[in-house]
Amino acid sequence: QVQLVESGGGLVQAGGSLRLSCAASGRSFSRYAMGWFRQAPNKEREFVSGITWSGGSTYYADSVKGRFTISRDNAKRAGYLQMNSLKPEDTAVYYCAAGPEGVSPQFWSHVRPDYWGQGTQVTVSS
């Protein structure tokens, strides 16, 4: 079992940066891919970025490529999302997600993650 807690959200002006953190409890965290989804008001939750259990492969939505960087530190049971050049359309609640075991983030459109955090609000003003 893995519990995920996000932090680092907030209000930022367009062009600014934020770094989201995801703290995981449970010794099995290092066995799972983890990543980030977001949900804007009146929109469906969408994939933002994912990273394999080893950190060897990363994946990004086209809308954030070149601006966001995902990373993880298995020793600290933590994941991160560095968000640069933020745009008003990045405004959303951002959720950390992990698992299932053995599933790469590239397959999350078919097999949803097992574990989810409660979300952290990111608001980008124009």
N, C-alpha and C. Protein backbone atom coordinates (compact mmCIF):
# COMPACT_ATOMS: atom_id res chain seq x y z
N GLN A 1 0.85 -1.19 0.00
CA GLN A 1 0.00 0.00 0.00
C GLN A 1 0.89 1.25 0.00
N VAL A 2 0.48 2.23 -0.76
CA VAL A 2 1.23 3.48 -0.87
C VAL A 2 0.29 4.65 -0.66
N GLN A 3 0.67 5.56 0.21
CA GLN A 3 -0.05 6.82 0.34
C GLN A 3 0.79 7.94 -0.23
N LEU A 4 0.15 8.84 -0.94
CA LEU A 4 0.83 9.93 -1.62
C LEU A 4 0.30 11.27 -1.14
N VAL A 5 1.21 12.20 -0.87
CA VAL A 5 0.83 13.54 -0.42
C VAL A 5 1.58 14.56 -1.26
N GLU A 6 0.83 15.41 -1.94
CA GLU A 6 1.43 16.44 -2.77
C GLU A 6 1.64 17.73 -1.98
N SER A 7 2.61 18.50 -2.42
CA SER A 7 2.83 19.84 -1.87
C SER A 7 3.50 20.69 -2.94
N GLY A 8 3.52 22.00 -2.70
CA GLY A 8 4.23 22.90 -3.60
C GLY A 8 3.36 23.70 -4.54
N GLY A 9 2.06 23.46 -4.51
CA GLY A 9 1.20 24.25 -5.36
C GLY A 9 1.08 25.68 -4.86
N GLY A 10 0.43 26.51 -5.66
CA GLY A 10 0.25 27.90 -5.25
C GLY A 10 -0.15 28.77 -6.42
N LEU A 11 -0.06 30.08 -6.18
CA LEU A 11 -0.40 31.08 -7.18
C LEU A 11 0.89 31.67 -7.75
N VAL A 12 0.97 31.71 -9.07
CA VAL A 12 2.17 32.23 -9.72
C VAL A 12 1.75 32.99 -10.97
N GLN A 13 2.54 33.96 -11.35
CA GLN A 13 2.25 34.69 -12.58
C GLN A 13 2.71 33.90 -13.79
N ALA A 14 2.08 34.18 -14.91
CA ALA A 14 2.48 33.53 -16.16
C ALA A 14 3.97 33.77 -16.40
N GLY A 15 4.64 32.71 -16.84
CA GLY A 15 6.08 32.77 -17.04
C GLY A 15 6.89 32.33 -15.84
N GLY A 16 6.22 32.19 -14.71
CA GLY A 16 6.90 31.80 -13.49
C GLY A 16 7.09 30.29 -13.38
N SER A 17 7.60 29.88 -12.22
CA SER A 17 7.92 28.47 -11.98
C SER A 17 7.37 28.01 -10.64
N LEU A 18 7.09 26.72 -10.58
CA LEU A 18 6.73 26.05 -9.33
C LEU A 18 7.35 24.66 -9.35
N ARG A 19 7.60 24.14 -8.16
CA ARG A 19 8.08 22.76 -8.05
C ARG A 19 7.14 21.99 -7.14
N LEU A 20 6.49 21.01 -7.71
CA LEU A 20 5.60 20.16 -6.94
C LEU A 20 6.39 18.98 -6.38
N SER A 21 6.01 18.58 -5.18
CA SER A 21 6.62 17.41 -4.56
C SER A 21 5.53 16.41 -4.22
N CYS A 22 5.91 15.15 -4.24
CA CYS A 22 5.01 14.06 -3.89
C CYS A 22 5.74 13.17 -2.90
N ALA A 23 5.26 13.15 -1.67
CA ALA A 23 5.86 12.32 -0.63
C ALA A 23 5.08 11.04 -0.50
N ALA A 24 5.79 9.92 -0.55
CA ALA A 24 5.14 8.61 -0.51
C ALA A 24 5.46 7.89 0.79
N SER A 25 4.47 7.21 1.30
CA SER A 25 4.70 6.31 2.43
C SER A 25 4.54 4.89 1.93
N GLY A 26 5.23 3.95 2.55
CA GLY A 26 5.17 2.58 2.09
C GLY A 26 6.46 2.20 1.39
N ARG A 27 7.04 1.09 1.80
CA ARG A 27 8.35 0.71 1.28
C ARG A 27 8.32 0.26 -0.16
N SER A 28 7.13 0.04 -0.73
CA SER A 28 7.05 -0.46 -2.09
C SER A 28 7.08 0.64 -3.14
N PHE A 29 7.19 1.89 -2.73
CA PHE A 29 7.13 3.01 -3.68
C PHE A 29 8.12 2.84 -4.82
N SER A 30 9.32 2.37 -4.52
CA SER A 30 10.36 2.27 -5.54
C SER A 30 10.04 1.23 -6.61
N ARG A 31 9.02 0.40 -6.38
CA ARG A 31 8.64 -0.63 -7.37
C ARG A 31 7.65 -0.10 -8.40
N TYR A 32 7.14 1.10 -8.16
CA TYR A 32 6.09 1.62 -9.03
C TYR A 32 6.56 2.79 -9.88
N ALA A 33 6.02 2.84 -11.10
CA ALA A 33 6.11 4.09 -11.84
C ALA A 33 5.28 5.13 -11.09
N MET A 34 5.66 6.38 -11.22
CA MET A 34 4.86 7.44 -10.61
C MET A 34 4.76 8.62 -11.57
N GLY A 35 3.84 9.48 -11.30
CA GLY A 35 3.70 10.61 -12.20
C GLY A 35 2.67 11.60 -11.72
N TRP A 36 2.26 12.45 -12.65
CA TRP A 36 1.36 13.55 -12.34
C TRP A 36 0.23 13.64 -13.36
N PHE A 37 -0.95 13.91 -12.84
CA PHE A 37 -2.13 14.21 -13.64
C PHE A 37 -2.64 15.57 -13.17
N ARG A 38 -3.50 16.16 -13.95
CA ARG A 38 -4.12 17.41 -13.52
C ARG A 38 -5.56 17.47 -13.99
N GLN A 39 -6.34 18.26 -13.27
CA GLN A 39 -7.75 18.43 -13.61
C GLN A 39 -8.13 19.88 -13.44
N ALA A 40 -8.51 20.51 -14.54
CA ALA A 40 -8.98 21.88 -14.52
C ALA A 40 -10.50 21.88 -14.32
N PRO A 41 -11.06 23.00 -13.88
CA PRO A 41 -12.51 23.05 -13.67
C PRO A 41 -13.28 22.66 -14.94
N ASN A 42 -14.26 21.82 -14.76
CA ASN A 42 -15.14 21.38 -15.84
C ASN A 42 -14.41 20.60 -16.93
N LYS A 43 -13.27 20.07 -16.60
CA LYS A 43 -12.53 19.26 -17.56
C LYS A 43 -12.18 17.91 -16.94
N GLU A 44 -11.89 16.94 -17.79
CA GLU A 44 -11.51 15.63 -17.30
C GLU A 44 -10.06 15.65 -16.81
N ARG A 45 -9.76 14.71 -15.91
CA ARG A 45 -8.39 14.59 -15.44
C ARG A 45 -7.51 14.13 -16.59
N GLU A 46 -6.35 14.75 -16.74
CA GLU A 46 -5.48 14.42 -17.85
C GLU A 46 -4.06 14.12 -17.39
N PHE A 47 -3.39 13.27 -18.15
CA PHE A 47 -2.01 12.91 -17.88
C PHE A 47 -1.11 14.12 -18.15
N VAL A 48 -0.14 14.33 -17.25
CA VAL A 48 0.84 15.41 -17.41
C VAL A 48 2.22 14.82 -17.67
N SER A 49 2.66 13.93 -16.77
CA SER A 49 4.01 13.39 -16.89
C SER A 49 4.13 12.12 -16.06
N GLY A 50 5.03 11.22 -16.48
CA GLY A 50 5.27 10.00 -15.74
C GLY A 50 6.73 9.59 -15.82
N ILE A 51 7.15 8.79 -14.84
CA ILE A 51 8.53 8.33 -14.78
C ILE A 51 8.53 6.89 -14.31
N THR A 52 9.36 6.06 -14.92
CA THR A 52 9.40 4.66 -14.55
C THR A 52 10.01 4.47 -13.16
N TRP A 53 9.90 3.25 -12.62
CA TRP A 53 10.32 3.00 -11.25
C TRP A 53 11.80 3.33 -11.03
N SER A 54 12.61 3.12 -12.07
CA SER A 54 14.05 3.37 -11.95
C SER A 54 14.42 4.81 -12.27
N GLY A 55 13.48 5.54 -12.85
CA GLY A 55 13.80 6.89 -13.31
C GLY A 55 14.44 6.90 -14.68
N GLY A 56 14.55 5.72 -15.31
CA GLY A 56 15.25 5.64 -16.57
C GLY A 56 14.50 6.19 -17.77
N SER A 57 13.18 6.23 -17.66
CA SER A 57 12.37 6.76 -18.76
C SER A 57 11.35 7.75 -18.23
N THR A 58 11.15 8.80 -19.00
CA THR A 58 10.16 9.81 -18.62
C THR A 58 9.22 10.06 -19.79
N TYR A 59 8.02 10.51 -19.45
CA TYR A 59 6.98 10.74 -20.45
C TYR A 59 6.28 12.05 -20.12
N TYR A 60 5.89 12.76 -21.17
CA TYR A 60 5.24 14.06 -20.99
C TYR A 60 4.08 14.22 -21.96
N ALA A 61 3.07 14.92 -21.51
CA ALA A 61 2.02 15.36 -22.43
C ALA A 61 2.62 16.41 -23.36
N ASP A 62 2.12 16.46 -24.57
CA ASP A 62 2.66 17.43 -25.54
C ASP A 62 2.55 18.85 -25.02
N SER A 63 1.52 19.13 -24.26
CA SER A 63 1.27 20.49 -23.79
C SER A 63 2.32 20.99 -22.80
N VAL A 64 3.09 20.07 -22.20
CA VAL A 64 4.07 20.49 -21.19
C VAL A 64 5.50 20.17 -21.58
N LYS A 65 5.70 19.50 -22.70
CA LYS A 65 7.06 19.13 -23.13
C LYS A 65 7.93 20.37 -23.26
N GLY A 66 9.14 20.27 -22.74
CA GLY A 66 10.07 21.39 -22.82
C GLY A 66 9.89 22.41 -21.70
N ARG A 67 8.81 22.30 -20.94
CA ARG A 67 8.57 23.24 -19.84
C ARG A 67 8.59 22.55 -18.48
N PHE A 68 8.11 21.31 -18.43
CA PHE A 68 8.04 20.57 -17.17
C PHE A 68 9.10 19.47 -17.16
N THR A 69 9.62 19.18 -15.97
CA THR A 69 10.58 18.10 -15.80
C THR A 69 10.19 17.26 -14.60
N ILE A 70 10.07 15.96 -14.82
CA ILE A 70 9.72 15.04 -13.74
C ILE A 70 10.99 14.35 -13.25
N SER A 71 11.01 14.06 -11.95
CA SER A 71 12.14 13.33 -11.37
C SER A 71 11.64 12.59 -10.13
N ARG A 72 12.47 11.70 -9.62
CA ARG A 72 12.12 10.98 -8.40
C ARG A 72 13.38 10.64 -7.63
N ASP A 73 13.20 10.44 -6.35
CA ASP A 73 14.29 10.02 -5.47
C ASP A 73 13.74 8.87 -4.64
N ASN A 74 14.05 7.65 -5.05
CA ASN A 74 13.48 6.49 -4.36
C ASN A 74 13.98 6.37 -2.92
N ALA A 75 15.20 6.80 -2.67
CA ALA A 75 15.72 6.74 -1.30
C ALA A 75 14.90 7.63 -0.37
N LYS A 76 14.39 8.73 -0.88
CA LYS A 76 13.55 9.63 -0.10
C LYS A 76 12.08 9.34 -0.27
N ARG A 77 11.74 8.35 -1.11
CA ARG A 77 10.33 8.04 -1.40
C ARG A 77 9.60 9.30 -1.85
N ALA A 78 10.14 9.96 -2.84
CA ALA A 78 9.59 11.24 -3.27
C ALA A 78 9.66 11.37 -4.78
N GLY A 79 8.71 12.12 -5.30
CA GLY A 79 8.72 12.48 -6.71
C GLY A 79 8.53 13.98 -6.83
N TYR A 80 8.95 14.50 -7.99
CA TYR A 80 8.93 15.95 -8.16
C TYR A 80 8.47 16.30 -9.58
N LEU A 81 7.89 17.49 -9.69
CA LEU A 81 7.55 18.03 -11.00
C LEU A 81 7.98 19.48 -11.01
N GLN A 82 9.04 19.77 -11.75
CA GLN A 82 9.50 21.15 -11.92
C GLN A 82 8.74 21.74 -13.09
N MET A 83 8.04 22.83 -12.83
CA MET A 83 7.20 23.46 -13.85
C MET A 83 7.73 24.85 -14.13
N ASN A 84 8.20 25.06 -15.34
CA ASN A 84 8.73 26.35 -15.76
C ASN A 84 7.87 26.95 -16.85
N SER A 85 8.04 28.23 -17.09
CA SER A 85 7.30 28.93 -18.15
C SER A 85 5.81 28.63 -18.04
N LEU A 86 5.28 28.76 -16.87
CA LEU A 86 3.88 28.42 -16.64
C LEU A 86 2.94 29.34 -17.40
N LYS A 87 1.83 28.76 -17.83
CA LYS A 87 0.82 29.47 -18.60
C LYS A 87 -0.51 29.41 -17.85
N PRO A 88 -1.40 30.35 -18.09
CA PRO A 88 -2.72 30.30 -17.43
C PRO A 88 -3.43 28.97 -17.68
N GLU A 89 -3.24 28.36 -18.82
CA GLU A 89 -3.90 27.08 -19.12
C GLU A 89 -3.33 25.92 -18.31
N ASP A 90 -2.25 26.14 -17.59
CA ASP A 90 -1.73 25.12 -16.67
C ASP A 90 -2.48 25.11 -15.34
N THR A 91 -3.36 26.07 -15.14
CA THR A 91 -4.13 26.14 -13.91
C THR A 91 -4.99 24.89 -13.74
N ALA A 92 -4.82 24.21 -12.61
CA ALA A 92 -5.54 22.97 -12.36
C ALA A 92 -5.17 22.45 -10.98
N VAL A 93 -5.88 21.44 -10.55
CA VAL A 93 -5.45 20.66 -9.39
C VAL A 93 -4.53 19.56 -9.93
N TYR A 94 -3.36 19.46 -9.34
CA TYR A 94 -2.36 18.49 -9.78
C TYR A 94 -2.32 17.32 -8.79
N TYR A 95 -2.41 16.11 -9.35
CA TYR A 95 -2.45 14.89 -8.56
C TYR A 95 -1.21 14.04 -8.82
N CYS A 96 -0.62 13.57 -7.76
CA CYS A 96 0.44 12.58 -7.85
C CYS A 96 -0.20 11.20 -7.94
N ALA A 97 0.39 10.32 -8.73
CA ALA A 97 -0.15 8.98 -8.92
C ALA A 97 0.98 7.97 -9.00
N ALA A 98 0.69 6.73 -8.68
CA ALA A 98 1.70 5.67 -8.73
C ALA A 98 1.06 4.32 -9.03
N GLY A 99 1.86 3.43 -9.62
CA GLY A 99 1.43 2.07 -9.89
C GLY A 99 0.60 1.96 -11.15
N PRO A 100 0.05 0.76 -11.40
CA PRO A 100 0.30 -0.48 -10.69
C PRO A 100 1.69 -1.05 -10.99
N GLU A 101 2.09 -2.00 -10.18
CA GLU A 101 3.42 -2.57 -10.32
C GLU A 101 3.58 -3.19 -11.70
N GLY A 102 4.71 -2.88 -12.35
CA GLY A 102 4.98 -3.47 -13.64
C GLY A 102 4.42 -2.71 -14.83
N VAL A 103 3.70 -1.62 -14.55
CA VAL A 103 3.08 -0.86 -15.65
C VAL A 103 3.83 0.46 -15.83
N SER A 104 4.28 0.68 -17.05
CA SER A 104 4.97 1.93 -17.38
C SER A 104 3.96 3.04 -17.60
N PRO A 105 4.34 4.29 -17.34
CA PRO A 105 3.39 5.40 -17.55
C PRO A 105 2.84 5.49 -18.97
N GLN A 106 3.54 4.96 -19.94
CA GLN A 106 3.05 5.04 -21.32
C GLN A 106 1.78 4.21 -21.50
N PHE A 107 1.47 3.33 -20.55
CA PHE A 107 0.26 2.52 -20.65
C PHE A 107 -0.85 3.00 -19.72
N TRP A 108 -0.66 4.14 -19.07
CA TRP A 108 -1.67 4.61 -18.14
C TRP A 108 -2.99 4.99 -18.81
N SER A 109 -3.00 5.18 -20.09
CA SER A 109 -4.28 5.44 -20.77
C SER A 109 -5.14 4.18 -20.80
N HIS A 110 -4.51 3.01 -20.61
CA HIS A 110 -5.23 1.74 -20.61
C HIS A 110 -5.40 1.17 -19.20
N VAL A 111 -4.40 1.37 -18.35
CA VAL A 111 -4.42 0.85 -16.98
C VAL A 111 -4.12 2.01 -16.04
N ARG A 112 -5.15 2.47 -15.36
CA ARG A 112 -4.97 3.64 -14.52
C ARG A 112 -4.11 3.33 -13.30
N PRO A 113 -3.39 4.34 -12.79
CA PRO A 113 -2.60 4.14 -11.57
C PRO A 113 -3.46 3.65 -10.41
N ASP A 114 -2.80 2.91 -9.52
CA ASP A 114 -3.50 2.38 -8.35
C ASP A 114 -3.67 3.40 -7.25
N TYR A 115 -2.66 4.26 -7.10
CA TYR A 115 -2.60 5.14 -5.94
C TYR A 115 -2.63 6.60 -6.38
N TRP A 116 -3.35 7.39 -5.59
CA TRP A 116 -3.53 8.81 -5.91
C TRP A 116 -3.37 9.64 -4.65
N GLY A 117 -2.81 10.85 -4.84
CA GLY A 117 -2.81 11.82 -3.75
C GLY A 117 -4.10 12.62 -3.76
N GLN A 118 -4.19 13.55 -2.81
CA GLN A 118 -5.39 14.38 -2.69
C GLN A 118 -5.37 15.58 -3.62
N GLY A 119 -4.22 15.91 -4.14
CA GLY A 119 -4.14 17.01 -5.09
C GLY A 119 -3.63 18.30 -4.47
N THR A 120 -3.00 19.12 -5.30
CA THR A 120 -2.55 20.44 -4.89
C THR A 120 -2.91 21.43 -5.99
N GLN A 121 -3.43 22.59 -5.58
CA GLN A 121 -3.91 23.57 -6.54
C GLN A 121 -2.74 24.38 -7.11
N VAL A 122 -2.73 24.50 -8.42
CA VAL A 122 -1.79 25.39 -9.11
C VAL A 122 -2.62 26.41 -9.89
N THR A 123 -2.38 27.68 -9.62
CA THR A 123 -3.09 28.75 -10.31
C THR A 123 -2.08 29.68 -10.95
N VAL A 124 -2.23 29.87 -12.26
CA VAL A 124 -1.31 30.73 -13.01
C VAL A 124 -2.11 31.93 -13.49
N SER A 125 -1.72 33.10 -13.05
CA SER A 125 -2.42 34.33 -13.44
C SER A 125 -1.77 34.94 -14.67
N SER A 126 -2.61 35.58 -15.48
CA SER A 126 -2.10 36.18 -16.72
C SER A 126 -1.65 37.61 -16.50
